[in-house]
Amino acid sequence: MRAIVVSRNGGPEVLEATEREDPVPGPGEVLIELAASGVNYIDVYFRTGAYPQPMPYVPGVEGAGTVAALGEGVTGFSVGDRVAWVNVPGSYAQYAAVPADVVVPVPDELDLEVAAASLLQGITAEYLTRSTYEVKPGDTVLVHAAAGGMGLLLVQLCKLFGARVIGTVSTPEKEKTARDAGADEIVGYDGFAEEVRRLTGGEGVAVVYDGVGAPTFDGSLAGLRRRGMMVLYGAAGGRVAPVDPQRLNTAGSLFLTRPTLYHYTHTREELLERATAVYGWVASGDLRVHIGHRYDVADARAAHEDLEGRRTTGKLLLIP
């Protein structure tokens, strides 16, 4: 099969297109023939070594396709089933052997590319807006990188739950994309904390969803209302330096959390509940998935270059 292999940490150049033996499902595993795999910023963290990973490995922690074979002891799935998975490496390839307990069924009404594009970021947006901080009618929220794959989903869910959404973007084209998703107000990154204060009559927002990290962290804290919550769910712009907890006190008894998907899908029951919610919203049209670009799997390097270069909107997919 064709696959991307990472043998050393580094830049996009370490994503090497190779031919490998097709994987064989072990006990408790499902062999999936990929229709598409999602490109996520966590793939960059693994590639660079920010999140250590045993070498060599096939990157990509999200994909969708059809069941090609079942390992010993697997029940509940049949060859030909349409499925997706999240949070296990191996999706930058034509086939992947995946533990059955992280595989979820894809509704018949969903295209497999859409299923691949919506699972990881969709579940992340779901737990961020319903569990990490429960967005409520009347809340004003700030979503950074509002035209990105995660940002667009967060904007839509916050609107679905009745919030007023302020988004940050870097270009006029991205502003249009974010507004089309439902953002009420758009601001640039320069001086965004002051603009957020102005737009909220000096009060600040209830919650900030920040996947950028170091460049926006201080401004995000400054844009929160009293007892507001800073949700730092990524670091696309760099890791945040250590924080003195006293800052949270003096800024208004703020809350700071650094959530991760694993802790919100720790049991299969929770994974299925969240995946079912996301796929239900997508199928009903309440959540629209914007696929910004499709790349051949051999072009994974270009996908990472575009993602890190902030040249993208929406979701990026690799097609094997």
C-alpha atoms as a PDB file:
ATOM      1  CA  MET A   1       0.000   0.000   0.000  1.00  0.00           C
ATOM      2  CA  ARG A   2       0.960   3.660  -0.325  1.00  0.00           C
ATOM      3  CA  ALA A   3       1.642   5.367   2.985  1.00  0.00           C
ATOM      4  CA  ILE A   4       3.440   8.268   4.606  1.00  0.00           C
ATOM      5  CA  VAL A   5       6.120   7.309   7.134  1.00  0.00           C
ATOM      6  CA  VAL A   6       7.899   9.522   9.673  1.00  0.00           C
ATOM      7  CA  SER A   7      11.304   8.198  10.781  1.00  0.00           C
ATOM      8  CA  ARG A   8      12.650  11.335  12.500  1.00  0.00           C
ATOM      9  CA  ASN A   9      11.286  14.542  13.967  1.00  0.00           C
ATOM     10  CA  GLY A  10      11.446  17.689  11.895  1.00  0.00           C
ATOM     11  CA  GLY A  11       9.658  19.839   9.353  1.00  0.00           C
ATOM     12  CA  PRO A  12       7.242  18.735   6.616  1.00  0.00           C
ATOM     13  CA  GLU A  13      10.176  17.221   4.716  1.00  0.00           C
ATOM     14  CA  VAL A  14      10.222  14.238   7.128  1.00  0.00           C
ATOM     15  CA  LEU A  15       6.849  13.086   5.729  1.00  0.00           C
ATOM     16  CA  GLU A  16       8.131  10.412   3.347  1.00  0.00           C
ATOM     17  CA  ALA A  17       5.866   8.753   0.764  1.00  0.00           C
ATOM     18  CA  THR A  18       6.625   5.018   0.678  1.00  0.00           C
ATOM     19  CA  GLU A  19       5.259   1.619  -0.299  1.00  0.00           C
ATOM     20  CA  ARG A  20       4.550  -0.669   2.682  1.00  0.00           C
ATOM     21  CA  GLU A  21       3.063  -4.078   3.253  1.00  0.00           C
ATOM     22  CA  ASP A  22      -0.673  -3.939   3.890  1.00  0.00           C
ATOM     23  CA  PRO A  23      -1.313  -4.172   7.640  1.00  0.00           C
ATOM     24  CA  VAL A  24      -2.926  -7.291   9.084  1.00  0.00           C
ATOM     25  CA  PRO A  25      -5.495  -6.776  11.852  1.00  0.00           C
ATOM     26  CA  GLY A  26      -4.477  -8.282  15.150  1.00  0.00           C
ATOM     27  CA  PRO A  27      -6.800  -9.466  17.912  1.00  0.00           C
ATOM     28  CA  GLY A  28      -9.381  -6.801  18.661  1.00  0.00           C
ATOM     29  CA  GLU A  29      -8.519  -4.773  15.546  1.00  0.00           C
ATOM     30  CA  VAL A  30     -10.399  -3.752  12.408  1.00  0.00           C
ATOM     31  CA  LEU A  31      -8.671  -3.344   9.041  1.00  0.00           C
ATOM     32  CA  ILE A  32     -10.038  -0.236   7.305  1.00  0.00           C
ATOM     33  CA  GLU A  33      -9.603   0.691   3.646  1.00  0.00           C
ATOM     34  CA  LEU A  34      -9.293   4.474   3.776  1.00  0.00           C
ATOM     35  CA  ALA A  35     -11.515   6.760   1.740  1.00  0.00           C
ATOM     36  CA  ALA A  36      -9.997   9.863   3.316  1.00  0.00           C
ATOM     37  CA  SER A  37      -7.896  10.919   6.273  1.00  0.00           C
ATOM     38  CA  GLY A  38      -8.094  14.206   8.126  1.00  0.00           C
ATOM     39  CA  VAL A  39      -5.104  16.499   8.539  1.00  0.00           C
ATOM     40  CA  ASN A  40      -4.980  18.027  12.025  1.00  0.00           C
ATOM     41  CA  TYR A  41      -2.572  20.231  13.912  1.00  0.00           C
ATOM     42  CA  ILE A  42      -1.894  17.388  16.328  1.00  0.00           C
ATOM     43  CA  ASP A  43      -0.178  15.672  13.376  1.00  0.00           C
ATOM     44  CA  VAL A  44       2.289  18.578  13.375  1.00  0.00           C
ATOM     45  CA  TYR A  45       2.887  18.187  17.112  1.00  0.00           C
ATOM     46  CA  PHE A  46       3.743  14.507  16.610  1.00  0.00           C
ATOM     47  CA  ARG A  47       5.906  15.229  13.554  1.00  0.00           C
ATOM     48  CA  THR A  48       7.985  17.904  15.286  1.00  0.00           C
ATOM     49  CA  GLY A  49       8.380  15.931  18.503  1.00  0.00           C
ATOM     50  CA  ALA A  50       6.298  18.294  20.627  1.00  0.00           C
ATOM     51  CA  TYR A  51       4.282  15.155  21.384  1.00  0.00           C
ATOM     52  CA  PRO A  52       6.825  12.269  21.469  1.00  0.00           C
ATOM     53  CA  GLN A  53       5.979   9.288  19.292  1.00  0.00           C
ATOM     54  CA  PRO A  54       7.870   5.987  18.772  1.00  0.00           C
ATOM     55  CA  MET A  55       9.636   5.884  15.400  1.00  0.00           C
ATOM     56  CA  PRO A  56       8.982   5.034  12.653  1.00  0.00           C
ATOM     57  CA  TYR A  57       5.257   5.571  12.415  1.00  0.00           C
ATOM     58  CA  VAL A  58       2.467   6.327   9.950  1.00  0.00           C
ATOM     59  CA  PRO A  59       0.967   9.704  10.934  1.00  0.00           C
ATOM     60  CA  GLY A  60      -2.671  10.781  10.930  1.00  0.00           C
ATOM     61  CA  VAL A  61      -5.077  10.152  13.803  1.00  0.00           C
ATOM     62  CA  GLU A  62      -8.397  10.396  11.958  1.00  0.00           C
ATOM     63  CA  GLY A  63      -9.841   8.588   8.978  1.00  0.00           C
ATOM     64  CA  ALA A  64     -12.931   7.069   7.401  1.00  0.00           C
ATOM     65  CA  GLY A  65     -13.481   4.196   5.021  1.00  0.00           C
ATOM     66  CA  THR A  66     -14.848   0.665   4.810  1.00  0.00           C
ATOM     67  CA  VAL A  67     -14.073  -2.415   6.884  1.00  0.00           C
ATOM     68  CA  ALA A  68     -11.817  -4.738   4.874  1.00  0.00           C
ATOM     69  CA  ALA A  69     -11.153  -7.442   7.506  1.00  0.00           C
ATOM     70  CA  LEU A  70     -11.736  -8.237  11.166  1.00  0.00           C
ATOM     71  CA  GLY A  71      -9.190  -9.379  13.700  1.00  0.00           C
ATOM     72  CA  GLU A  72      -9.777 -12.176  16.179  1.00  0.00           C
ATOM     73  CA  GLY A  73     -12.487 -11.488  18.722  1.00  0.00           C
ATOM     74  CA  VAL A  74     -14.013  -8.456  16.999  1.00  0.00           C
ATOM     75  CA  THR A  75     -17.788  -8.263  17.151  1.00  0.00           C
ATOM     76  CA  GLY A  76     -20.253  -5.582  16.141  1.00  0.00           C
ATOM     77  CA  PHE A  77     -18.647  -4.919  12.744  1.00  0.00           C
ATOM     78  CA  SER A  78     -18.817  -6.652   9.365  1.00  0.00           C
ATOM     79  CA  VAL A  79     -16.710  -6.446   6.210  1.00  0.00           C
ATOM     80  CA  GLY A  80     -18.045  -3.588   4.094  1.00  0.00           C
ATOM     81  CA  ASP A  81     -19.287  -1.466   7.006  1.00  0.00           C
ATOM     82  CA  ARG A  82     -18.724   2.267   6.637  1.00  0.00           C
ATOM     83  CA  VAL A  83     -16.728   3.439   9.649  1.00  0.00           C
ATOM     84  CA  ALA A  84     -14.445   6.145  11.003  1.00  0.00           C
ATOM     85  CA  TRP A  85     -11.994   6.447  13.855  1.00  0.00           C
ATOM     86  CA  VAL A  86     -10.127   9.026  15.847  1.00  0.00           C
ATOM     87  CA  ASN A  87      -7.106   9.336  18.163  1.00  0.00           C
ATOM     88  CA  VAL A  88      -5.063   6.373  16.867  1.00  0.00           C
ATOM     89  CA  PRO A  89      -2.147   6.921  14.416  1.00  0.00           C
ATOM     90  CA  GLY A  90      -2.041   5.391  10.953  1.00  0.00           C
ATOM     91  CA  SER A  91      -4.463   7.225   8.663  1.00  0.00           C
ATOM     92  CA  TYR A  92      -1.972   8.676   6.133  1.00  0.00           C
ATOM     93  CA  ALA A  93      -2.207   5.434   4.159  1.00  0.00           C
ATOM     94  CA  GLN A  94      -4.452   3.259   2.024  1.00  0.00           C
ATOM     95  CA  TYR A  95      -5.147   0.808   4.861  1.00  0.00           C
ATOM     96  CA  ALA A  96      -4.990   0.997   8.642  1.00  0.00           C
ATOM     97  CA  ALA A  97      -5.416  -1.601  11.387  1.00  0.00           C
ATOM     98  CA  VAL A  98      -7.297   0.144  14.187  1.00  0.00           C
ATOM     99  CA  PRO A  99      -8.487  -1.056  17.619  1.00  0.00           C
ATOM    100  CA  ALA A 100     -12.189  -1.801  17.309  1.00  0.00           C
ATOM    101  CA  ASP A 101     -13.022   0.105  20.481  1.00  0.00           C
ATOM    102  CA  VAL A 102     -12.185   3.454  18.806  1.00  0.00           C
ATOM    103  CA  VAL A 103     -14.056   2.713  15.563  1.00  0.00           C
ATOM    104  CA  VAL A 104     -17.470   4.319  15.113  1.00  0.00           C
ATOM    105  CA  PRO A 105     -20.174   3.677  12.495  1.00  0.00           C
ATOM    106  CA  VAL A 106     -20.794   6.308   9.819  1.00  0.00           C
ATOM    107  CA  PRO A 107     -24.468   7.071   9.081  1.00  0.00           C
ATOM    108  CA  ASP A 108     -25.587   6.041   5.599  1.00  0.00           C
ATOM    109  CA  GLU A 109     -26.522   9.618   4.701  1.00  0.00           C
ATOM    110  CA  LEU A 110     -22.958  10.917   5.216  1.00  0.00           C
ATOM    111  CA  ASP A 111     -20.262  10.873   2.552  1.00  0.00           C
ATOM    112  CA  LEU A 112     -17.090   9.191   3.808  1.00  0.00           C
ATOM    113  CA  GLU A 113     -14.973  12.252   3.050  1.00  0.00           C
ATOM    114  CA  VAL A 114     -17.307  14.365   5.166  1.00  0.00           C
ATOM    115  CA  ALA A 115     -17.165  11.717   7.887  1.00  0.00           C
ATOM    116  CA  ALA A 116     -13.358  11.872   7.891  1.00  0.00           C
ATOM    117  CA  ALA A 117     -13.403  15.675   7.886  1.00  0.00           C
ATOM    118  CA  SER A 118     -15.766  16.050  10.813  1.00  0.00           C
ATOM    119  CA  LEU A 119     -14.897  13.489  13.474  1.00  0.00           C
ATOM    120  CA  LEU A 120     -11.812  14.680  15.366  1.00  0.00           C
ATOM    121  CA  GLN A 121     -12.477  18.401  15.101  1.00  0.00           C
ATOM    122  CA  GLY A 122     -16.229  17.878  15.448  1.00  0.00           C
ATOM    123  CA  ILE A 123     -15.874  15.926  18.684  1.00  0.00           C
ATOM    124  CA  THR A 124     -13.366  18.496  19.933  1.00  0.00           C
ATOM    125  CA  ALA A 125     -15.776  21.350  19.192  1.00  0.00           C
ATOM    126  CA  GLU A 126     -18.587  19.370  20.828  1.00  0.00           C
ATOM    127  CA  TYR A 127     -16.811  18.759  24.128  1.00  0.00           C
ATOM    128  CA  LEU A 128     -15.345  22.271  24.218  1.00  0.00           C
ATOM    129  CA  THR A 129     -18.782  23.867  23.905  1.00  0.00           C
ATOM    130  CA  ARG A 130     -20.840  21.374  25.907  1.00  0.00           C
ATOM    131  CA  SER A 131     -18.475  19.969  28.552  1.00  0.00           C
ATOM    132  CA  THR A 132     -15.367  22.120  29.015  1.00  0.00           C
ATOM    133  CA  TYR A 133     -17.527  25.244  29.067  1.00  0.00           C
ATOM    134  CA  GLU A 134     -21.251  24.846  28.452  1.00  0.00           C
ATOM    135  CA  VAL A 135     -22.154  27.618  26.015  1.00  0.00           C
ATOM    136  CA  LYS A 136     -25.540  29.106  26.893  1.00  0.00           C
ATOM    137  CA  PRO A 137     -27.976  31.503  25.225  1.00  0.00           C
ATOM    138  CA  GLY A 138     -26.845  35.066  25.803  1.00  0.00           C
ATOM    139  CA  ASP A 139     -23.139  34.244  26.194  1.00  0.00           C
ATOM    140  CA  THR A 140     -20.617  36.205  24.158  1.00  0.00           C
ATOM    141  CA  VAL A 141     -17.657  34.048  23.148  1.00  0.00           C
ATOM    142  CA  LEU A 142     -14.353  34.629  21.370  1.00  0.00           C
ATOM    143  CA  VAL A 143     -13.158  32.074  18.807  1.00  0.00           C
ATOM    144  CA  HIS A 144      -9.598  32.453  17.535  1.00  0.00           C
ATOM    145  CA  ALA A 145      -8.732  31.389  13.983  1.00  0.00           C
ATOM    146  CA  ALA A 146     -12.427  31.458  13.229  1.00  0.00           C
ATOM    147  CA  ALA A 147     -11.972  30.483   9.568  1.00  0.00           C
ATOM    148  CA  GLY A 148      -9.896  27.383  10.279  1.00  0.00           C
ATOM    149  CA  GLY A 149     -11.246  23.859  10.454  1.00  0.00           C
ATOM    150  CA  MET A 150     -11.761  23.997  14.216  1.00  0.00           C
ATOM    151  CA  GLY A 151     -12.810  27.642  14.231  1.00  0.00           C
ATOM    152  CA  LEU A 152     -15.632  27.146  11.752  1.00  0.00           C
ATOM    153  CA  LEU A 153     -17.069  24.273  13.782  1.00  0.00           C
ATOM    154  CA  LEU A 154     -16.787  26.215  17.042  1.00  0.00           C
ATOM    155  CA  VAL A 155     -18.513  29.234  15.502  1.00  0.00           C
ATOM    156  CA  GLN A 156     -21.411  27.103  14.289  1.00  0.00           C
ATOM    157  CA  LEU A 157     -21.905  25.222  17.556  1.00  0.00           C
ATOM    158  CA  CYS A 158     -21.703  28.381  19.650  1.00  0.00           C
ATOM    159  CA  LYS A 159     -24.381  29.916  17.422  1.00  0.00           C
ATOM    160  CA  LEU A 160     -26.461  26.730  17.635  1.00  0.00           C
ATOM    161  CA  PHE A 161     -26.374  27.019  21.418  1.00  0.00           C
ATOM    162  CA  GLY A 162     -27.473  30.658  21.350  1.00  0.00           C
ATOM    163  CA  ALA A 163     -24.231  32.609  21.805  1.00  0.00           C
ATOM    164  CA  ARG A 164     -22.956  35.793  20.217  1.00  0.00           C
ATOM    165  CA  VAL A 165     -19.654  34.976  18.507  1.00  0.00           C
ATOM    166  CA  ILE A 166     -16.631  37.198  18.013  1.00  0.00           C
ATOM    167  CA  GLY A 167     -13.983  35.674  15.769  1.00  0.00           C
ATOM    168  CA  THR A 168     -10.405  36.544  14.905  1.00  0.00           C
ATOM    169  CA  VAL A 169      -9.043  36.118  11.372  1.00  0.00           C
ATOM    170  CA  SER A 170      -5.988  37.298   9.434  1.00  0.00           C
ATOM    171  CA  THR A 171      -7.377  38.144   5.957  1.00  0.00           C
ATOM    172  CA  PRO A 172     -10.543  39.558   4.335  1.00  0.00           C
ATOM    173  CA  GLU A 173     -11.116  36.204   2.630  1.00  0.00           C
ATOM    174  CA  LYS A 174     -11.065  34.435   5.977  1.00  0.00           C
ATOM    175  CA  GLU A 175     -13.407  37.071   7.404  1.00  0.00           C
ATOM    176  CA  LYS A 176     -15.997  36.186   4.759  1.00  0.00           C
ATOM    177  CA  THR A 177     -15.621  32.476   5.509  1.00  0.00           C
ATOM    178  CA  ALA A 178     -16.100  33.039   9.250  1.00  0.00           C
ATOM    179  CA  ARG A 179     -19.105  35.320   8.746  1.00  0.00           C
ATOM    180  CA  ASP A 180     -20.684  32.774   6.406  1.00  0.00           C
ATOM    181  CA  ALA A 181     -20.392  30.255   9.276  1.00  0.00           C
ATOM    182  CA  GLY A 182     -22.335  32.620  11.557  1.00  0.00           C
ATOM    183  CA  ALA A 183     -19.758  34.797  13.323  1.00  0.00           C
ATOM    184  CA  ASP A 184     -21.434  38.002  14.514  1.00  0.00           C
ATOM    185  CA  GLU A 185     -18.290  40.124  14.794  1.00  0.00           C
ATOM    186  CA  ILE A 186     -14.841  39.745  13.232  1.00  0.00           C
ATOM    187  CA  VAL A 187     -11.645  41.384  14.461  1.00  0.00           C
ATOM    188  CA  GLY A 188      -8.000  41.174  13.460  1.00  0.00           C
ATOM    189  CA  TYR A 189      -5.311  39.872  15.780  1.00  0.00           C
ATOM    190  CA  ASP A 190      -3.688  43.248  16.429  1.00  0.00           C
ATOM    191  CA  GLY A 191      -5.338  44.770  19.482  1.00  0.00           C
ATOM    192  CA  PHE A 192      -8.074  42.141  19.581  1.00  0.00           C
ATOM    193  CA  ALA A 193      -8.415  42.290  23.383  1.00  0.00           C
ATOM    194  CA  GLU A 194      -9.297  45.989  23.252  1.00  0.00           C
ATOM    195  CA  GLU A 195     -11.772  45.357  20.423  1.00  0.00           C
ATOM    196  CA  VAL A 196     -13.394  42.551  22.407  1.00  0.00           C
ATOM    197  CA  ARG A 197     -13.786  44.879  25.381  1.00  0.00           C
ATOM    198  CA  ARG A 198     -15.307  47.541  23.131  1.00  0.00           C
ATOM    199  CA  LEU A 199     -17.734  45.101  21.538  1.00  0.00           C
ATOM    200  CA  THR A 200     -18.882  43.881  24.959  1.00  0.00           C
ATOM    201  CA  GLY A 201     -19.300  47.291  26.555  1.00  0.00           C
ATOM    202  CA  GLY A 202     -16.172  46.780  28.634  1.00  0.00           C
ATOM    203  CA  GLU A 203     -17.366  43.532  30.207  1.00  0.00           C
ATOM    204  CA  GLY A 204     -15.402  40.925  28.245  1.00  0.00           C
ATOM    205  CA  VAL A 205     -16.423  37.522  26.954  1.00  0.00           C
ATOM    206  CA  ALA A 206     -17.616  34.494  28.887  1.00  0.00           C
ATOM    207  CA  VAL A 207     -15.137  32.133  27.248  1.00  0.00           C
ATOM    208  CA  VAL A 208     -12.223  32.234  24.821  1.00  0.00           C
ATOM    209  CA  TYR A 209     -11.528  29.239  22.579  1.00  0.00           C
ATOM    210  CA  ASP A 210      -7.828  29.573  21.777  1.00  0.00           C
ATOM    211  CA  GLY A 211      -5.986  27.067  19.614  1.00  0.00           C
ATOM    212  CA  VAL A 212      -3.270  29.553  18.633  1.00  0.00           C
ATOM    213  CA  GLY A 213      -1.321  29.636  21.894  1.00  0.00           C
ATOM    214  CA  ALA A 214       1.594  31.970  22.628  1.00  0.00           C
ATOM    215  CA  PRO A 215       0.727  34.862  20.277  1.00  0.00           C
ATOM    216  CA  THR A 216      -2.837  35.243  21.585  1.00  0.00           C
ATOM    217  CA  PHE A 217      -2.675  33.971  25.160  1.00  0.00           C
ATOM    218  CA  ASP A 218      -2.162  37.267  26.990  1.00  0.00           C
ATOM    219  CA  GLY A 219      -4.803  39.045  24.928  1.00  0.00           C
ATOM    220  CA  SER A 220      -7.220  36.177  25.467  1.00  0.00           C
ATOM    221  CA  LEU A 221      -6.928  36.528  29.242  1.00  0.00           C
ATOM    222  CA  ALA A 222      -7.351  40.297  28.909  1.00  0.00           C
ATOM    223  CA  GLY A 223     -10.557  39.822  26.920  1.00  0.00           C
ATOM    224  CA  LEU A 224     -12.355  37.703  29.520  1.00  0.00           C
ATOM    225  CA  ARG A 225     -15.123  38.896  31.794  1.00  0.00           C
ATOM    226  CA  ARG A 226     -15.011  38.358  35.552  1.00  0.00           C
ATOM    227  CA  ARG A 227     -14.890  34.599  36.251  1.00  0.00           C
ATOM    228  CA  GLY A 228     -14.533  33.930  32.541  1.00  0.00           C
ATOM    229  CA  MET A 229     -12.869  30.792  31.172  1.00  0.00           C
ATOM    230  CA  MET A 230      -9.767  30.574  29.015  1.00  0.00           C
ATOM    231  CA  VAL A 231      -9.904  27.336  27.008  1.00  0.00           C
ATOM    232  CA  LEU A 232      -6.449  26.722  25.541  1.00  0.00           C
ATOM    233  CA  TYR A 233      -6.986  23.710  23.283  1.00  0.00           C
ATOM    234  CA  GLY A 234      -3.921  24.016  21.033  1.00  0.00           C
ATOM    235  CA  ALA A 235      -0.711  25.868  20.252  1.00  0.00           C
ATOM    236  CA  ALA A 236      -0.571  26.385  16.496  1.00  0.00           C
ATOM    237  CA  GLY A 237       1.397  29.587  17.029  1.00  0.00           C
ATOM    238  CA  GLY A 238       3.720  28.237  19.709  1.00  0.00           C
ATOM    239  CA  ARG A 239       3.561  26.909  23.253  1.00  0.00           C
ATOM    240  CA  VAL A 240       2.520  29.193  26.086  1.00  0.00           C
ATOM    241  CA  ALA A 241       5.158  30.027  28.699  1.00  0.00           C
ATOM    242  CA  PRO A 242       4.521  28.984  32.321  1.00  0.00           C
ATOM    243  CA  VAL A 243       1.771  31.028  33.945  1.00  0.00           C
ATOM    244  CA  ASP A 244       1.670  32.449  37.473  1.00  0.00           C
ATOM    245  CA  PRO A 245      -1.747  31.464  38.862  1.00  0.00           C
ATOM    246  CA  GLN A 246      -1.915  34.842  40.591  1.00  0.00           C
ATOM    247  CA  ARG A 247      -2.616  36.350  37.155  1.00  0.00           C
ATOM    248  CA  LEU A 248      -5.967  34.564  37.132  1.00  0.00           C
ATOM    249  CA  ASN A 249      -6.813  36.114  40.488  1.00  0.00           C
ATOM    250  CA  THR A 250      -5.949  39.706  39.634  1.00  0.00           C
ATOM    251  CA  ALA A 251      -7.669  39.494  36.224  1.00  0.00           C
ATOM    252  CA  GLY A 252     -11.014  38.592  37.783  1.00  0.00           C
ATOM    253  CA  SER A 253     -10.890  35.082  39.291  1.00  0.00           C
ATOM    254  CA  LEU A 254     -10.489  33.589  35.826  1.00  0.00           C
ATOM    255  CA  PHE A 255     -10.481  29.901  34.912  1.00  0.00           C
ATOM    256  CA  LEU A 256      -7.760  28.350  32.723  1.00  0.00           C
ATOM    257  CA  THR A 257      -7.957  24.858  31.263  1.00  0.00           C
ATOM    258  CA  ARG A 258      -5.917  22.871  28.744  1.00  0.00           C
ATOM    259  CA  PRO A 259      -8.257  20.087  27.570  1.00  0.00           C
ATOM    260  CA  THR A 260      -7.434  17.213  25.244  1.00  0.00           C
ATOM    261  CA  LEU A 261      -9.684  14.871  23.295  1.00  0.00           C
ATOM    262  CA  TYR A 262      -8.421  11.704  24.995  1.00  0.00           C
ATOM    263  CA  HIS A 263      -9.761  12.745  28.383  1.00  0.00           C
ATOM    264  CA  TYR A 264     -13.193  13.520  26.901  1.00  0.00           C
ATOM    265  CA  THR A 265     -13.472  10.201  25.011  1.00  0.00           C
ATOM    266  CA  HIS A 266     -11.866   7.977  27.623  1.00  0.00           C
ATOM    267  CA  THR A 267     -14.637   5.358  27.466  1.00  0.00           C
ATOM    268  CA  ARG A 268     -16.222   3.881  24.368  1.00  0.00           C
ATOM    269  CA  GLU A 269     -19.622   5.024  25.605  1.00  0.00           C
ATOM    270  CA  GLU A 270     -18.481   8.641  25.733  1.00  0.00           C
ATOM    271  CA  LEU A 271     -16.803   8.374  22.315  1.00  0.00           C
ATOM    272  CA  LEU A 272     -19.978   6.999  20.749  1.00  0.00           C
ATOM    273  CA  GLU A 273     -22.140   9.624  22.435  1.00  0.00           C
ATOM    274  CA  ARG A 274     -20.011  12.476  21.132  1.00  0.00           C
ATOM    275  CA  ALA A 275     -19.550  10.978  17.650  1.00  0.00           C
ATOM    276  CA  THR A 276     -23.292  10.368  17.347  1.00  0.00           C
ATOM    277  CA  ALA A 277     -24.013  13.980  18.288  1.00  0.00           C
ATOM    278  CA  VAL A 278     -21.528  15.330  15.741  1.00  0.00           C
ATOM    279  CA  TYR A 279     -22.651  13.116  12.880  1.00  0.00           C
ATOM    280  CA  GLY A 280     -26.259  13.910  13.744  1.00  0.00           C
ATOM    281  CA  TRP A 281     -25.620  17.666  13.470  1.00  0.00           C
ATOM    282  CA  VAL A 282     -23.781  17.174  10.174  1.00  0.00           C
ATOM    283  CA  ALA A 283     -26.541  14.985   8.731  1.00  0.00           C
ATOM    284  CA  SER A 284     -29.244  17.479   9.759  1.00  0.00           C
ATOM    285  CA  GLY A 285     -27.363  20.470   8.355  1.00  0.00           C
ATOM    286  CA  ASP A 286     -26.909  22.128  11.753  1.00  0.00           C
ATOM    287  CA  LEU A 287     -23.152  21.677  11.345  1.00  0.00           C
ATOM    288  CA  ARG A 288     -21.632  22.331   7.921  1.00  0.00           C
ATOM    289  CA  VAL A 289     -18.186  20.895   7.242  1.00  0.00           C
ATOM    290  CA  HIS A 290     -16.063  23.072   4.972  1.00  0.00           C
ATOM    291  CA  ILE A 291     -13.418  20.982   3.191  1.00  0.00           C
ATOM    292  CA  GLY A 292     -10.822  23.544   2.226  1.00  0.00           C
ATOM    293  CA  HIS A 293      -8.551  21.310   0.155  1.00  0.00           C
ATOM    294  CA  ARG A 294      -7.990  17.705  -0.822  1.00  0.00           C
ATOM    295  CA  TYR A 295      -4.464  16.356  -1.355  1.00  0.00           C
ATOM    296  CA  ASP A 296      -3.203  13.056  -2.664  1.00  0.00           C
ATOM    297  CA  VAL A 297      -1.721  11.135   0.242  1.00  0.00           C
ATOM    298  CA  ALA A 298       1.707  11.448  -1.384  1.00  0.00           C
ATOM    299  CA  ASP A 299       1.365  15.231  -1.051  1.00  0.00           C
ATOM    300  CA  ALA A 300       1.095  15.190   2.758  1.00  0.00           C
ATOM    301  CA  ARG A 301       4.157  17.450   2.923  1.00  0.00           C
ATOM    302  CA  ALA A 302       2.329  20.162   0.959  1.00  0.00           C
ATOM    303  CA  ALA A 303      -0.691  19.807   3.242  1.00  0.00           C
ATOM    304  CA  HIS A 304       1.474  20.402   6.320  1.00  0.00           C
ATOM    305  CA  GLU A 305       3.252  23.331   4.676  1.00  0.00           C
ATOM    306  CA  ASP A 306      -0.082  24.959   3.846  1.00  0.00           C
ATOM    307  CA  LEU A 307      -1.480  24.292   7.316  1.00  0.00           C
ATOM    308  CA  GLU A 308       1.524  25.709   9.147  1.00  0.00           C
ATOM    309  CA  GLY A 309       1.776  28.601   6.700  1.00  0.00           C
ATOM    310  CA  ARG A 310      -1.801  29.663   7.563  1.00  0.00           C
ATOM    311  CA  ARG A 311      -2.749  29.417   3.902  1.00  0.00           C
ATOM    312  CA  THR A 312      -5.832  27.314   4.507  1.00  0.00           C
ATOM    313  CA  THR A 313      -9.449  27.590   5.525  1.00  0.00           C
ATOM    314  CA  GLY A 314     -11.651  24.760   6.691  1.00  0.00           C
ATOM    315  CA  LYS A 315     -10.592  21.118   6.805  1.00  0.00           C
ATOM    316  CA  LEU A 316      -7.728  19.509   4.902  1.00  0.00           C
ATOM    317  CA  LEU A 317      -8.030  15.922   3.677  1.00  0.00           C
ATOM    318  CA  LEU A 318      -5.626  13.353   2.282  1.00  0.00           C
ATOM    319  CA  ILE A 319      -7.136  11.041  -0.337  1.00  0.00           C
ATOM    320  CA  PRO A 320      -5.318   7.709  -0.706  1.00  0.00           C
END
